[in-house]
Amino acid sequence: MVPDGDAPSGGAAYAGPGERGLGSLYQEIRRIREIAEARDAGEGGRRLVELTREVEELRATVARLRGAATGAAVRA
């Protein structure tokens, strides 16, 4: 697991030659996590809209079936 904060023990200050440093790595990982969370939130919103539509359709079906059942009972 990658910590949310800066690089532990000041690792970014001791980057070797040709290395970007641990601080940059942690920043990249934090940014990737933010992108993934935003993507999940967007998909969650679409899923909520889809489920809300399905619930409305089911309510209409239940109302139609109740109406048909009541009409059949009245006719009998």
N, C-alpha and C. Protein backbone atom coordinates (compact mmCIF):
# COMPACT_ATOMS: atom_id res chain seq x y z
N MET A 1 0.85 -1.19 0.00
CA MET A 1 0.00 0.00 0.00
C MET A 1 0.88 1.23 0.00
N VAL A 2 0.48 2.23 -0.72
CA VAL A 2 1.24 3.47 -0.83
C VAL A 2 0.64 4.49 0.10
N PRO A 3 1.44 5.12 0.94
CA PRO A 3 0.90 6.13 1.84
C PRO A 3 0.39 7.34 1.07
N ASP A 4 -0.56 8.06 1.69
CA ASP A 4 -1.14 9.24 1.04
C ASP A 4 -0.22 10.45 1.11
N GLY A 5 0.67 10.49 2.07
CA GLY A 5 1.52 11.66 2.26
C GLY A 5 2.72 11.65 1.35
N ASP A 6 3.69 12.51 1.71
CA ASP A 6 4.94 12.58 0.95
C ASP A 6 5.77 11.34 1.20
N ALA A 7 6.86 11.24 0.51
CA ALA A 7 7.75 10.09 0.64
C ALA A 7 8.21 9.96 2.09
N PRO A 8 8.21 8.75 2.64
CA PRO A 8 8.63 8.58 4.03
C PRO A 8 10.11 8.87 4.20
N SER A 9 10.48 9.37 5.35
CA SER A 9 11.87 9.62 5.74
C SER A 9 12.60 10.53 4.76
N GLY A 10 11.91 11.41 4.10
CA GLY A 10 12.56 12.35 3.20
C GLY A 10 13.25 11.68 2.03
N GLY A 11 12.73 10.58 1.55
CA GLY A 11 13.34 9.83 0.46
C GLY A 11 13.53 10.66 -0.80
N ALA A 12 12.65 11.64 -1.02
CA ALA A 12 12.75 12.45 -2.23
C ALA A 12 14.01 13.30 -2.22
N ALA A 13 14.50 13.64 -1.06
CA ALA A 13 15.69 14.50 -0.96
C ALA A 13 16.95 13.74 -1.33
N TYR A 14 16.92 12.43 -1.35
CA TYR A 14 18.11 11.63 -1.59
C TYR A 14 18.02 10.84 -2.89
N ALA A 15 17.53 11.45 -3.93
CA ALA A 15 17.43 10.76 -5.21
C ALA A 15 18.83 10.57 -5.78
N GLY A 16 19.07 9.36 -6.27
CA GLY A 16 20.36 9.07 -6.86
C GLY A 16 20.46 9.63 -8.25
N PRO A 17 21.64 9.53 -8.88
CA PRO A 17 21.81 10.05 -10.23
C PRO A 17 20.87 9.36 -11.21
N GLY A 18 20.20 10.13 -12.02
CA GLY A 18 19.29 9.58 -13.02
C GLY A 18 17.94 9.15 -12.47
N GLU A 19 17.71 9.31 -11.19
CA GLU A 19 16.43 8.93 -10.59
C GLU A 19 15.59 10.17 -10.36
N ARG A 20 14.31 10.02 -10.50
CA ARG A 20 13.40 11.15 -10.26
C ARG A 20 13.16 11.34 -8.78
N GLY A 21 13.41 10.33 -7.97
CA GLY A 21 13.20 10.43 -6.54
C GLY A 21 11.88 9.83 -6.12
N LEU A 22 11.84 9.41 -4.89
CA LEU A 22 10.63 8.77 -4.37
C LEU A 22 9.47 9.76 -4.26
N GLY A 23 9.78 11.01 -4.01
CA GLY A 23 8.71 12.02 -3.91
C GLY A 23 7.91 12.09 -5.19
N SER A 24 8.58 12.09 -6.32
CA SER A 24 7.89 12.13 -7.61
C SER A 24 7.06 10.87 -7.82
N LEU A 25 7.62 9.74 -7.39
CA LEU A 25 6.89 8.47 -7.52
C LEU A 25 5.61 8.51 -6.71
N TYR A 26 5.70 8.99 -5.47
CA TYR A 26 4.51 9.08 -4.63
C TYR A 26 3.49 10.05 -5.22
N GLN A 27 3.96 11.14 -5.81
CA GLN A 27 3.04 12.09 -6.43
C GLN A 27 2.31 11.45 -7.60
N GLU A 28 3.03 10.69 -8.42
CA GLU A 28 2.42 10.01 -9.55
C GLU A 28 1.38 9.00 -9.09
N ILE A 29 1.72 8.23 -8.07
CA ILE A 29 0.79 7.22 -7.56
C ILE A 29 -0.44 7.90 -6.97
N ARG A 30 -0.26 9.00 -6.27
CA ARG A 30 -1.38 9.73 -5.69
C ARG A 30 -2.29 10.25 -6.81
N ARG A 31 -1.69 10.74 -7.90
CA ARG A 31 -2.48 11.25 -9.03
C ARG A 31 -3.24 10.12 -9.72
N ILE A 32 -2.61 8.97 -9.87
CA ILE A 32 -3.29 7.81 -10.46
C ILE A 32 -4.47 7.41 -9.60
N ARG A 33 -4.29 7.42 -8.29
CA ARG A 33 -5.39 7.09 -7.37
C ARG A 33 -6.54 8.08 -7.53
N GLU A 34 -6.22 9.38 -7.64
CA GLU A 34 -7.26 10.40 -7.81
C GLU A 34 -8.04 10.17 -9.10
N ILE A 35 -7.32 9.85 -10.17
CA ILE A 35 -7.98 9.59 -11.46
C ILE A 35 -8.89 8.37 -11.35
N ALA A 36 -8.41 7.31 -10.71
CA ALA A 36 -9.22 6.09 -10.56
C ALA A 36 -10.46 6.36 -9.72
N GLU A 37 -10.32 7.13 -8.65
CA GLU A 37 -11.47 7.45 -7.81
C GLU A 37 -12.48 8.30 -8.56
N ALA A 38 -11.99 9.25 -9.36
CA ALA A 38 -12.90 10.09 -10.14
C ALA A 38 -13.63 9.25 -11.18
N ARG A 39 -12.91 8.32 -11.80
CA ARG A 39 -13.53 7.43 -12.79
C ARG A 39 -14.61 6.58 -12.13
N ASP A 40 -14.29 6.03 -10.94
CA ASP A 40 -15.27 5.22 -10.21
C ASP A 40 -16.50 6.05 -9.86
N ALA A 41 -16.28 7.29 -9.46
CA ALA A 41 -17.40 8.16 -9.11
C ALA A 41 -18.27 8.43 -10.34
N GLY A 42 -17.65 8.64 -11.49
CA GLY A 42 -18.40 8.86 -12.73
C GLY A 42 -19.21 7.65 -13.12
N GLU A 43 -18.62 6.47 -13.01
CA GLU A 43 -19.34 5.24 -13.34
C GLU A 43 -20.46 5.01 -12.33
N GLY A 44 -20.21 5.35 -11.08
CA GLY A 44 -21.25 5.22 -10.06
C GLY A 44 -22.44 6.09 -10.36
N GLY A 45 -22.19 7.29 -10.88
CA GLY A 45 -23.27 8.20 -11.24
C GLY A 45 -24.10 7.65 -12.38
N ARG A 46 -23.42 7.10 -13.39
CA ARG A 46 -24.15 6.49 -14.51
C ARG A 46 -24.96 5.30 -14.04
N ARG A 47 -24.37 4.51 -13.16
CA ARG A 47 -25.07 3.33 -12.64
C ARG A 47 -26.30 3.74 -11.84
N LEU A 48 -26.19 4.82 -11.08
CA LEU A 48 -27.32 5.33 -10.30
C LEU A 48 -28.45 5.76 -11.22
N VAL A 49 -28.13 6.44 -12.30
CA VAL A 49 -29.15 6.86 -13.27
C VAL A 49 -29.83 5.64 -13.88
N GLU A 50 -29.02 4.64 -14.23
CA GLU A 50 -29.56 3.42 -14.82
C GLU A 50 -30.49 2.69 -13.85
N LEU A 51 -30.07 2.58 -12.59
CA LEU A 51 -30.89 1.89 -11.59
C LEU A 51 -32.17 2.68 -11.29
N THR A 52 -32.07 3.99 -11.26
CA THR A 52 -33.27 4.82 -11.03
C THR A 52 -34.28 4.60 -12.14
N ARG A 53 -33.80 4.54 -13.39
CA ARG A 53 -34.70 4.28 -14.53
C ARG A 53 -35.36 2.91 -14.40
N GLU A 54 -34.56 1.90 -14.01
CA GLU A 54 -35.12 0.56 -13.85
C GLU A 54 -36.17 0.51 -12.75
N VAL A 55 -35.93 1.23 -11.65
CA VAL A 55 -36.91 1.27 -10.56
C VAL A 55 -38.21 1.91 -11.04
N GLU A 56 -38.10 3.00 -11.81
CA GLU A 56 -39.31 3.65 -12.35
C GLU A 56 -40.08 2.70 -13.26
N GLU A 57 -39.37 1.94 -14.09
CA GLU A 57 -40.03 0.98 -14.97
C GLU A 57 -40.71 -0.12 -14.15
N LEU A 58 -40.04 -0.59 -13.10
CA LEU A 58 -40.65 -1.63 -12.25
C LEU A 58 -41.88 -1.11 -11.53
N ARG A 59 -41.83 0.14 -11.06
CA ARG A 59 -43.00 0.72 -10.39
C ARG A 59 -44.19 0.79 -11.36
N ALA A 60 -43.91 1.19 -12.60
CA ALA A 60 -44.98 1.26 -13.60
C ALA A 60 -45.55 -0.13 -13.88
N THR A 61 -44.68 -1.13 -13.95
CA THR A 61 -45.13 -2.50 -14.19
C THR A 61 -45.99 -2.99 -13.03
N VAL A 62 -45.55 -2.73 -11.80
CA VAL A 62 -46.31 -3.14 -10.62
C VAL A 62 -47.67 -2.46 -10.61
N ALA A 63 -47.71 -1.17 -10.91
CA ALA A 63 -48.98 -0.44 -10.95
C ALA A 63 -49.91 -1.02 -12.01
N ARG A 64 -49.34 -1.36 -13.18
CA ARG A 64 -50.13 -1.95 -14.26
C ARG A 64 -50.68 -3.31 -13.84
N LEU A 65 -49.82 -4.13 -13.19
CA LEU A 65 -50.27 -5.45 -12.75
C LEU A 65 -51.32 -5.36 -11.64
N ARG A 66 -51.16 -4.41 -10.74
CA ARG A 66 -52.17 -4.22 -9.68
C ARG A 66 -53.50 -3.78 -10.29
N GLY A 67 -53.42 -2.92 -11.29
CA GLY A 67 -54.63 -2.48 -11.97
C GLY A 67 -55.31 -3.63 -12.68
N ALA A 68 -54.51 -4.49 -13.31
CA ALA A 68 -55.07 -5.64 -14.02
C ALA A 68 -55.66 -6.63 -13.02
N ALA A 69 -55.01 -6.84 -11.88
CA ALA A 69 -55.50 -7.77 -10.86
C ALA A 69 -56.78 -7.23 -10.24
N THR A 70 -56.85 -5.94 -9.99
CA THR A 70 -58.04 -5.34 -9.41
C THR A 70 -59.19 -5.41 -10.40
N GLY A 71 -58.91 -5.13 -11.66
CA GLY A 71 -59.94 -5.20 -12.71
C GLY A 71 -60.46 -6.62 -12.88
N ALA A 72 -59.60 -7.62 -12.78
CA ALA A 72 -60.01 -9.02 -12.90
C ALA A 72 -60.86 -9.42 -11.71
N ALA A 73 -60.52 -8.93 -10.53
CA ALA A 73 -61.29 -9.28 -9.34
C ALA A 73 -62.67 -8.64 -9.38
N VAL A 74 -62.76 -7.45 -9.92
CA VAL A 74 -64.03 -6.74 -10.01
C VAL A 74 -64.92 -7.46 -11.03
N ARG A 75 -64.35 -7.94 -12.13
CA ARG A 75 -65.14 -8.62 -13.16
C ARG A 75 -65.66 -9.97 -12.67
N ALA A 76 -64.96 -10.61 -11.77
CA ALA A 76 -65.33 -11.96 -11.35
C ALA A 76 -66.49 -11.97 -10.43
